[in-house]
């Protein structure tokens, strides 16, 4: 275990200061030599270049286009649901826990018994995201929500009763050991985070105050800086996911998005090496311009990918209705429900569509006969006695997986049959 030395001796840096640390047999020697990093407080009067603000403005415009595109789907929640699935898969992948997308989708099914024994963190992550979005949408403070509520969800720690007079320090499920950026193994570390204790508490208090305060900075700039600060501090378990969740939640709070329709973990997973380089550029040289530009470009590309996904989901919906040559209300309701939940059983389909069991059975049979729906491979799921058959909408599952590999930039020929 890495032990921190007293914090009364430190070495100043460009964008924070360095704290000495004890010995470790596994951490890289050069990481031990430079010590643990304590970032300086974020400032409202930060000076950025014009090109940086231009990149942030382009990302903000893309967010607006995405929010408008989401309204094209009859069931807006379908895009929210699909986004959450993609975010969960990418975020878990960044934490070195790979779970196939259909398996994540199947976790909500009543009586579905996953043969693979998926880690319970998967379900906690999705429930925590839902709760956080709901809290922020109803006016809760961003930083306080993430660190005092969502962090407890993810750590499987009981939530505390709401108390306006409670000290935030007492509500946060603090980590007690060392933390680093780079991966779960000490050998992968490229930056040691602030040691647990008074320095970490002070840094988090500054960060939460900054996140929860009104700001005159452009939204994308503010969220880029907030993500950096939280990611570097690493105050709790699952900080990586929290710092990424900060971005769509901040977009909801700032009015740029109405729902969680952005999955930042996709971008950070894809650009992981560049992400590390940009974090070090801020730490070593104070290069916030490159960092904000990097985040802004990621947000813009994610928006473009999501907009393309909306178009593709629209196409799938129309193809299904046209193939059956029927556009009655019941079929439309079922198809709309399955766009956002492409792995389903009868009970879930009834719940989502509002149709009767008999109606669902009849319509699903027609979809199955038209090869628009198929039974899920039984090698993926075990079935208990009397368990309902699990099915999937293969076109939707394929589309989600394809757009998981950014971006097609309106190359519609990729879907030609």
Protein backbone atom coordinates (compact mmCIF):
# COMPACT_ATOMS: atom_id res chain seq x y z
CA UNK A 1 0.00 0.00 0.00
CA UNK A 2 1.28 3.43 -0.93
CA UNK A 3 1.60 5.71 2.08
CA UNK A 4 1.52 9.48 1.83
CA UNK A 5 4.08 11.61 3.66
CA UNK A 6 3.06 14.71 5.68
CA UNK A 7 1.57 17.38 3.44
CA UNK A 8 3.46 20.33 4.93
CA UNK A 9 6.19 19.96 2.33
CA UNK A 10 5.28 20.35 -1.30
CA UNK A 11 6.71 21.36 -4.64
CA UNK A 12 4.89 24.05 -6.66
CA UNK A 13 3.84 23.28 -10.24
CA UNK A 14 2.37 25.22 -13.16
CA UNK A 15 -1.28 24.30 -12.48
CA UNK A 16 -1.11 23.00 -8.91
CA UNK A 17 1.48 21.57 -6.55
CA UNK A 18 3.12 18.22 -5.94
CA UNK A 19 3.01 16.28 -2.69
CA UNK A 20 5.67 13.72 -1.73
CA UNK A 21 4.58 10.10 -1.41
CA UNK A 22 5.97 7.00 0.20
CA UNK A 23 7.36 3.87 -1.39
CA UNK A 24 5.57 1.48 -3.69
CA UNK A 25 6.90 -1.58 -5.45
CA UNK A 26 4.40 -1.40 -8.31
CA UNK A 27 4.10 2.27 -9.26
CA UNK A 28 6.44 3.45 -12.04
CA UNK A 29 9.57 5.02 -10.57
CA UNK A 30 9.15 8.32 -12.42
CA UNK A 31 5.59 8.65 -11.08
CA UNK A 32 6.82 8.11 -7.54
CA UNK A 33 9.60 10.63 -8.06
CA UNK A 34 7.26 13.43 -9.12
CA UNK A 35 4.76 12.71 -6.32
CA UNK A 36 0.99 13.18 -6.05
CA UNK A 37 -0.67 16.12 -7.78
CA UNK A 38 -3.00 18.61 -6.09
CA UNK A 39 -4.64 20.79 -8.77
CA UNK A 40 -5.02 24.50 -8.16
CA UNK A 41 -8.59 25.81 -7.72
CA UNK A 42 -10.45 26.56 -10.94
CA UNK A 43 -10.88 30.21 -11.82
CA UNK A 44 -13.69 32.12 -13.50
CA UNK A 45 -11.22 34.57 -15.06
CA UNK A 46 -9.30 31.91 -16.96
CA UNK A 47 -7.80 33.25 -20.18
CA UNK A 48 -8.29 31.16 -23.29
CA UNK A 49 -7.50 31.78 -26.94
CA UNK A 50 -10.15 32.79 -29.45
CA UNK A 51 -9.85 29.47 -31.29
CA UNK A 52 -10.70 27.68 -28.03
CA UNK A 53 -13.88 29.68 -27.59
CA UNK A 54 -14.73 29.03 -31.25
CA UNK A 55 -14.38 25.25 -30.73
CA UNK A 56 -16.59 25.50 -27.63
CA UNK A 57 -19.21 27.46 -29.58
CA UNK A 58 -19.26 24.82 -32.34
CA UNK A 59 -19.79 22.12 -29.72
CA UNK A 60 -22.59 24.15 -28.14
CA UNK A 61 -24.26 24.48 -31.55
CA UNK A 62 -23.98 20.72 -32.07
CA UNK A 63 -25.68 20.14 -28.71
CA UNK A 64 -28.60 22.25 -29.86
CA UNK A 65 -28.89 20.27 -33.09
CA UNK A 66 -28.85 17.01 -31.14
CA UNK A 67 -31.61 18.17 -28.81
CA UNK A 68 -33.74 19.12 -31.80
CA UNK A 69 -33.01 15.81 -33.55
CA UNK A 70 -34.11 13.84 -30.49
CA UNK A 71 -37.59 15.28 -30.94
CA UNK A 72 -37.86 13.56 -34.33
CA UNK A 73 -38.45 10.21 -32.67
CA UNK A 74 -42.07 9.58 -31.59
CA UNK A 75 -40.69 8.20 -28.35
CA UNK A 76 -37.94 10.55 -27.20
CA UNK A 77 -37.14 8.25 -24.30
CA UNK A 78 -35.97 5.66 -26.82
CA UNK A 79 -32.88 7.76 -27.60
CA UNK A 80 -32.29 8.38 -23.90
CA UNK A 81 -32.43 4.66 -23.23
CA UNK A 82 -30.11 3.81 -26.13
CA UNK A 83 -27.66 6.51 -25.02
CA UNK A 84 -27.60 5.17 -21.47
CA UNK A 85 -26.88 1.68 -22.76
CA UNK A 86 -23.99 2.92 -24.89
CA UNK A 87 -22.64 5.06 -22.06
CA UNK A 88 -22.78 2.15 -19.62
CA UNK A 89 -20.88 -0.15 -21.97
CA UNK A 90 -18.16 2.39 -22.75
CA UNK A 91 -17.78 3.54 -19.15
CA UNK A 92 -17.42 -0.01 -17.90
CA UNK A 93 -14.90 -0.69 -20.66
CA UNK A 94 -12.80 2.25 -19.44
CA UNK A 95 -12.83 0.60 -16.00
CA UNK A 96 -11.65 -2.68 -17.56
CA UNK A 97 -15.01 -4.41 -17.16
CA UNK A 98 -16.26 -5.54 -20.56
CA UNK A 99 -19.95 -6.39 -20.86
CA UNK A 100 -21.57 -7.03 -24.25
CA UNK A 101 -24.27 -4.55 -25.20
CA UNK A 102 -27.10 -7.14 -25.50
CA UNK A 103 -26.26 -8.37 -21.99
CA UNK A 104 -26.55 -4.85 -20.60
CA UNK A 105 -29.89 -4.50 -22.38
CA UNK A 106 -31.14 -7.78 -20.91
CA UNK A 107 -30.50 -6.79 -17.31
CA UNK A 108 -33.84 -4.99 -17.00
CA UNK A 109 -35.85 -8.00 -18.11
CA UNK A 110 -38.14 -9.56 -15.49
CA UNK A 111 -36.88 -13.06 -14.58
CA UNK A 112 -33.90 -12.91 -16.97
CA UNK A 113 -31.07 -14.96 -15.49
CA UNK A 114 -27.80 -14.00 -17.13
CA UNK A 115 -25.56 -16.98 -17.57
CA UNK A 116 -22.48 -14.75 -17.56
CA UNK A 117 -23.14 -13.44 -14.05
CA UNK A 118 -22.75 -9.77 -14.87
CA UNK A 119 -21.09 -7.64 -12.22
CA UNK A 120 -23.75 -5.84 -10.09
CA UNK A 121 -21.91 -2.58 -10.73
CA UNK A 122 -23.50 -2.55 -14.18
CA UNK A 123 -27.03 -2.20 -12.85
CA UNK A 124 -25.95 0.24 -10.11
CA UNK A 125 -24.31 2.42 -12.75
CA UNK A 126 -27.45 2.71 -14.83
CA UNK A 127 -29.69 3.34 -11.84
CA UNK A 128 -27.27 5.95 -10.52
CA UNK A 129 -27.30 7.76 -13.88
CA UNK A 130 -31.10 7.81 -13.95
CA UNK A 131 -31.26 9.19 -10.44
CA UNK A 132 -28.61 11.86 -11.08
CA UNK A 133 -30.33 13.10 -14.25
CA UNK A 134 -33.65 13.29 -12.40
CA UNK A 135 -32.07 15.18 -9.51
CA UNK A 136 -30.38 17.76 -11.75
CA UNK A 137 -33.48 18.16 -13.92
CA UNK A 138 -35.38 19.12 -10.78
CA UNK A 139 -32.86 21.76 -9.74
CA UNK A 140 -30.29 19.91 -7.63
CA UNK A 141 -26.73 21.25 -7.62
CA UNK A 142 -24.42 19.45 -10.01
CA UNK A 143 -21.29 18.93 -7.92
CA UNK A 144 -23.14 18.16 -4.70
CA UNK A 145 -25.39 15.63 -6.45
CA UNK A 146 -22.51 13.78 -8.06
CA UNK A 147 -20.32 13.51 -4.97
CA UNK A 148 -22.82 13.18 -2.14
CA UNK A 149 -25.56 11.14 -3.85
CA UNK A 150 -24.48 9.51 -7.12
CA UNK A 151 -21.14 8.45 -5.61
CA UNK A 152 -23.02 6.67 -2.81
CA UNK A 153 -25.22 4.92 -5.37
CA UNK A 154 -22.19 3.63 -7.25
CA UNK A 155 -20.36 2.58 -4.09
CA UNK A 156 -23.48 0.73 -2.90
CA UNK A 157 -23.54 2.91 0.23
CA UNK A 158 -26.96 3.82 1.71
CA UNK A 159 -28.20 7.27 0.79
CA UNK A 160 -28.41 9.80 3.60
CA UNK A 161 -31.61 11.62 4.49
CA UNK A 162 -31.81 15.05 2.93
CA UNK A 163 -30.44 17.68 5.29
CA UNK A 164 -29.71 21.19 4.09
CA UNK A 165 -27.48 21.79 7.11
CA UNK A 166 -25.38 18.66 6.61
CA UNK A 167 -21.68 19.08 5.93
CA UNK A 168 -20.77 17.91 2.43
CA UNK A 169 -17.53 16.45 3.80
CA UNK A 170 -19.59 14.03 5.91
CA UNK A 171 -21.81 12.98 3.00
CA UNK A 172 -19.09 12.05 0.49
CA UNK A 173 -18.00 8.36 0.52
CA UNK A 174 -14.31 9.26 0.42
CA UNK A 175 -11.65 6.91 -0.80
CA UNK A 176 -9.20 6.03 1.94
CA UNK A 177 -6.29 4.73 -0.11
CA UNK A 178 -4.16 6.10 -2.95
CA UNK A 179 -5.56 6.78 -6.41
CA UNK A 180 -4.08 7.37 -9.83
CA UNK A 181 -5.08 7.98 -13.42
CA UNK A 182 -4.24 5.40 -16.06
CA UNK A 183 -6.08 2.19 -15.22
CA UNK A 184 -6.85 -0.22 -12.39
CA UNK A 185 -3.25 -1.46 -12.10
CA UNK A 186 -0.58 0.64 -10.40
CA UNK A 187 1.82 -0.11 -13.27
CA UNK A 188 -0.50 1.78 -15.65
CA UNK A 189 -0.48 5.03 -13.66
CA UNK A 190 0.41 8.22 -15.51
CA UNK A 191 -0.55 10.60 -12.69
CA UNK A 192 -0.92 10.18 -8.92
CA UNK A 193 -3.99 11.90 -7.49
CA UNK A 194 -4.12 14.01 -4.35
CA UNK A 195 -3.61 11.83 -1.25
CA UNK A 196 -6.63 11.19 0.95
CA UNK A 197 -7.01 13.55 3.87
CA UNK A 198 -7.16 17.33 4.39
CA UNK A 199 -5.63 18.29 1.01
CA UNK A 200 -8.16 16.15 -0.86
CA UNK A 201 -11.06 17.46 1.20
CA UNK A 202 -10.03 21.04 0.52
CA UNK A 203 -9.61 20.41 -3.20
CA UNK A 204 -13.03 18.76 -3.50
CA UNK A 205 -14.72 21.54 -1.53
CA UNK A 206 -13.24 24.06 -3.97
CA UNK A 207 -14.31 21.97 -6.96
CA UNK A 208 -17.90 21.49 -5.76
CA UNK A 209 -18.25 25.18 -4.94
CA UNK A 210 -17.07 26.04 -8.46
CA UNK A 211 -19.36 23.51 -10.13
CA UNK A 212 -22.43 24.56 -8.18
CA UNK A 213 -21.95 28.30 -8.62
CA UNK A 214 -23.36 30.34 -11.49
CA UNK A 215 -20.77 30.90 -14.20
CA UNK A 216 -20.28 33.34 -17.07
CA UNK A 217 -18.03 30.87 -18.89
CA UNK A 218 -19.42 29.13 -21.99
CA UNK A 219 -21.07 25.87 -20.97
CA UNK A 220 -18.64 23.61 -22.85
CA UNK A 221 -15.65 25.41 -21.31
CA UNK A 222 -17.11 25.08 -17.82
CA UNK A 223 -17.83 21.36 -18.21
CA UNK A 224 -14.40 20.66 -19.72
CA UNK A 225 -12.67 22.32 -16.78
CA UNK A 226 -14.97 20.63 -14.26
CA UNK A 227 -14.30 17.21 -15.74
CA UNK A 228 -10.55 17.77 -15.56
CA UNK A 229 -10.64 18.90 -11.94
CA UNK A 230 -12.80 16.05 -10.73
CA UNK A 231 -10.90 13.42 -12.73
CA UNK A 232 -7.53 14.56 -11.35
CA UNK A 233 -8.71 14.75 -7.74
CA UNK A 234 -10.24 11.22 -7.79
CA UNK A 235 -12.04 11.74 -4.45
CA UNK A 236 -14.24 8.63 -4.51
CA UNK A 237 -14.53 5.22 -6.10
CA UNK A 238 -15.89 5.41 -9.67
CA UNK A 239 -14.68 9.01 -10.03
CA UNK A 240 -13.93 8.28 -13.70
CA UNK A 241 -17.59 7.63 -14.43
CA UNK A 242 -18.73 10.57 -12.30
CA UNK A 243 -16.41 12.99 -14.12
CA UNK A 244 -17.77 11.80 -17.46
CA UNK A 245 -21.39 11.89 -16.26
CA UNK A 246 -20.76 15.49 -15.27
CA UNK A 247 -20.87 16.48 -18.96
CA UNK A 248 -24.42 15.37 -19.93
CA UNK A 249 -25.74 16.40 -16.51
CA UNK A 250 -24.20 19.84 -16.95
CA UNK A 251 -25.83 20.06 -20.38
CA UNK A 252 -29.21 19.30 -18.81
CA UNK A 253 -28.70 21.83 -16.04
CA UNK A 254 -27.48 24.45 -18.53
CA UNK A 255 -30.47 23.94 -20.84
CA UNK A 256 -28.43 22.62 -23.78
CA UNK A 257 -30.08 19.18 -23.59
CA UNK A 258 -33.40 18.11 -22.16
CA UNK A 259 -32.33 14.54 -21.45
CA UNK A 260 -29.26 12.32 -21.15
CA UNK A 261 -28.72 11.96 -24.89
CA UNK A 262 -24.93 12.31 -24.86
CA UNK A 263 -22.52 9.46 -24.01
CA UNK A 264 -19.09 11.03 -23.32
CA UNK A 265 -17.49 7.73 -22.31
CA UNK A 266 -17.62 6.72 -25.98
CA UNK A 267 -15.32 9.60 -26.89
CA UNK A 268 -12.93 9.23 -23.95
CA UNK A 269 -12.68 5.48 -24.56
CA UNK A 270 -11.92 5.99 -28.23
CA UNK A 271 -9.43 8.80 -27.63
CA UNK A 272 -7.92 7.33 -24.46
CA UNK A 273 -4.28 7.88 -25.39
CA UNK A 274 -4.91 11.47 -26.44
CA UNK A 275 -6.94 11.97 -23.26
CA UNK A 276 -3.93 11.01 -21.17
CA UNK A 277 -1.66 13.27 -23.16
CA UNK A 278 -4.02 16.23 -22.76
CA UNK A 279 -4.39 15.70 -19.01
CA UNK A 280 -0.61 15.73 -18.65
CA UNK A 281 -0.38 18.84 -20.81
CA UNK A 282 -2.61 20.69 -18.34
CA UNK A 283 -0.73 19.32 -15.32
CA UNK A 284 2.76 19.95 -16.73
CA UNK A 285 2.25 23.14 -18.77
CA UNK A 286 -1.13 24.54 -17.78
CA UNK A 287 -2.35 24.05 -21.37
CA UNK A 288 -6.08 24.50 -20.84
CA UNK A 289 -6.58 25.67 -24.43
CA UNK A 290 -5.72 22.29 -25.91
CA UNK A 291 -7.70 20.51 -23.22
CA UNK A 292 -10.90 22.50 -23.78
CA UNK A 293 -10.53 22.16 -27.55
CA UNK A 294 -10.07 18.40 -27.19
CA UNK A 295 -13.25 18.10 -25.09
CA UNK A 296 -15.21 20.41 -27.41
CA UNK A 297 -14.26 18.37 -30.46
CA UNK A 298 -15.32 15.21 -28.65
CA UNK A 299 -18.72 16.67 -27.74
CA UNK A 300 -19.25 17.87 -31.32
CA UNK A 301 -18.41 14.48 -32.81
CA UNK A 302 -20.58 12.67 -30.28
CA UNK A 303 -23.49 14.92 -31.22
CA UNK A 304 -22.97 14.20 -34.92
CA UNK A 305 -22.92 10.48 -34.23
CA UNK A 306 -26.06 10.68 -32.13
CA UNK A 307 -27.88 12.66 -34.82
CA UNK A 308 -26.99 9.99 -37.36
CA UNK A 309 -28.28 7.38 -34.94
CA UNK A 310 -31.60 9.23 -34.72
CA UNK A 311 -31.90 9.11 -38.51
CA UNK A 312 -31.13 5.41 -38.53
CA UNK A 313 -33.66 4.62 -35.79
CA UNK A 314 -36.27 6.56 -37.75
CA UNK A 315 -35.48 4.48 -40.82
CA UNK A 316 -35.78 1.22 -38.87
CA UNK A 317 -39.14 2.28 -37.48
CA UNK A 318 -40.50 3.15 -40.93
CA UNK A 319 -39.06 -0.04 -42.44
CA UNK A 320 -40.81 -2.18 -39.84
CA UNK A 321 -44.17 -0.49 -40.30
CA UNK A 322 -43.87 -0.60 -44.09
CA UNK A 323 -42.80 -4.24 -44.12
CA UNK A 324 -45.95 -5.22 -42.24
CA UNK A 325 -47.96 -2.84 -44.42
CA UNK A 326 -49.90 -1.77 -41.40
CA UNK A 327 -49.85 1.44 -39.40
CA UNK A 328 -52.39 0.86 -36.66
CA UNK A 329 -51.91 2.45 -33.28
CA UNK A 330 -51.04 -0.78 -31.48
CA UNK A 331 -48.25 -1.74 -33.86
CA UNK A 332 -46.80 1.79 -33.82
CA UNK A 333 -46.78 1.82 -30.02
CA UNK A 334 -45.01 -1.52 -29.86
CA UNK A 335 -42.42 -0.61 -32.51
CA UNK A 336 -41.72 2.72 -30.78
CA UNK A 337 -41.25 0.93 -27.44
CA UNK A 338 -38.83 -1.62 -28.89
CA UNK A 339 -36.65 1.05 -30.56
CA UNK A 340 -35.39 2.00 -27.09
CA UNK A 341 -35.56 -1.52 -25.63
CA UNK A 342 -34.46 -3.86 -28.43
CA UNK A 343 -33.96 -6.79 -26.04
CA UNK A 344 -37.31 -7.63 -24.49
CA UNK A 345 -39.79 -10.22 -23.30
CA UNK A 346 -43.57 -10.12 -23.24
CA UNK A 347 -43.82 -8.56 -19.80
CA UNK A 348 -41.47 -5.70 -20.69
CA UNK A 349 -43.21 -5.14 -24.06
CA UNK A 350 -46.60 -4.94 -22.33
CA UNK A 351 -45.26 -2.47 -19.75
CA UNK A 352 -43.62 -0.20 -22.33
CA UNK A 353 -46.34 -0.22 -24.99
CA UNK A 354 -49.41 -0.18 -22.77
CA UNK A 355 -50.93 -2.98 -24.86
CA UNK A 356 -52.54 -6.13 -23.53
CA UNK A 357 -50.65 -9.42 -23.33
CA UNK A 358 -52.79 -10.81 -26.14
CA UNK A 359 -52.08 -7.81 -28.40
CA UNK A 360 -48.34 -8.06 -27.73
CA UNK A 361 -48.30 -11.80 -28.49
CA UNK A 362 -50.10 -11.23 -31.79
CA UNK A 363 -47.94 -8.33 -32.93
CA UNK A 364 -44.65 -9.90 -31.86
CA UNK A 365 -45.57 -13.03 -33.80
CA UNK A 366 -46.11 -10.93 -36.92
CA UNK A 367 -42.80 -9.13 -36.41
CA UNK A 368 -41.07 -12.47 -35.93
CA UNK A 369 -42.60 -13.93 -39.10
CA UNK A 370 -41.34 -10.86 -41.01
CA UNK A 371 -37.81 -11.48 -39.57
CA UNK A 372 -37.89 -8.11 -37.81
CA UNK A 373 -37.69 -9.72 -34.38
CA UNK A 374 -35.95 -12.93 -33.36
CA UNK A 375 -35.46 -15.03 -30.27
CA UNK A 376 -32.27 -14.27 -28.41
CA UNK A 377 -29.55 -16.90 -28.61
CA UNK A 378 -30.15 -19.24 -25.70
CA UNK A 379 -26.41 -19.58 -25.19
CA UNK A 380 -26.51 -16.02 -23.90
CA UNK A 381 -29.30 -16.49 -21.38
CA UNK A 382 -30.36 -19.39 -19.22
CA UNK A 383 -34.07 -19.94 -18.79
CA UNK A 384 -35.79 -20.70 -15.55
CA UNK A 385 -38.97 -22.73 -15.40
CA UNK A 386 -41.82 -20.75 -16.95
CA UNK A 387 -39.46 -17.90 -17.86
CA UNK A 388 -40.64 -15.82 -20.77
CA UNK A 389 -38.88 -16.04 -24.11
CA UNK A 390 -36.38 -13.21 -24.65
CA UNK A 391 -36.28 -11.61 -28.08
CA UNK A 392 -34.29 -8.87 -29.78
CA UNK A 393 -34.76 -6.40 -32.61
CA UNK A 394 -31.56 -7.16 -34.56
CA UNK A 395 -31.61 -4.04 -36.74
CA UNK A 396 -31.69 -1.78 -33.67
CA UNK A 397 -29.00 -3.74 -31.84
CA UNK A 398 -26.80 -3.59 -34.95
CA UNK A 399 -27.37 0.15 -35.40
CA UNK A 400 -26.44 0.89 -31.80
CA UNK A 401 -23.29 -1.19 -32.12
CA UNK A 402 -22.28 0.45 -35.41
CA UNK A 403 -22.69 3.96 -34.09
CA UNK A 404 -20.65 2.89 -31.12
CA UNK A 405 -17.67 3.29 -33.49
CA UNK A 406 -17.87 6.99 -34.33
CA UNK A 407 -18.74 8.57 -36.72
CA UNK A 408 -20.24 7.76 -40.10
CA UNK A 409 -20.85 11.41 -40.99
CA UNK A 410 -24.00 10.69 -42.97
CA UNK A 411 -22.44 7.89 -44.99
CA UNK A 412 -25.81 6.27 -45.56
CA UNK A 413 -24.39 3.61 -47.89
CA UNK A 414 -23.12 1.75 -44.85
CA UNK A 415 -26.68 0.59 -44.27
CA UNK A 416 -27.39 -0.48 -47.87
CA UNK A 417 -28.52 -4.07 -48.07
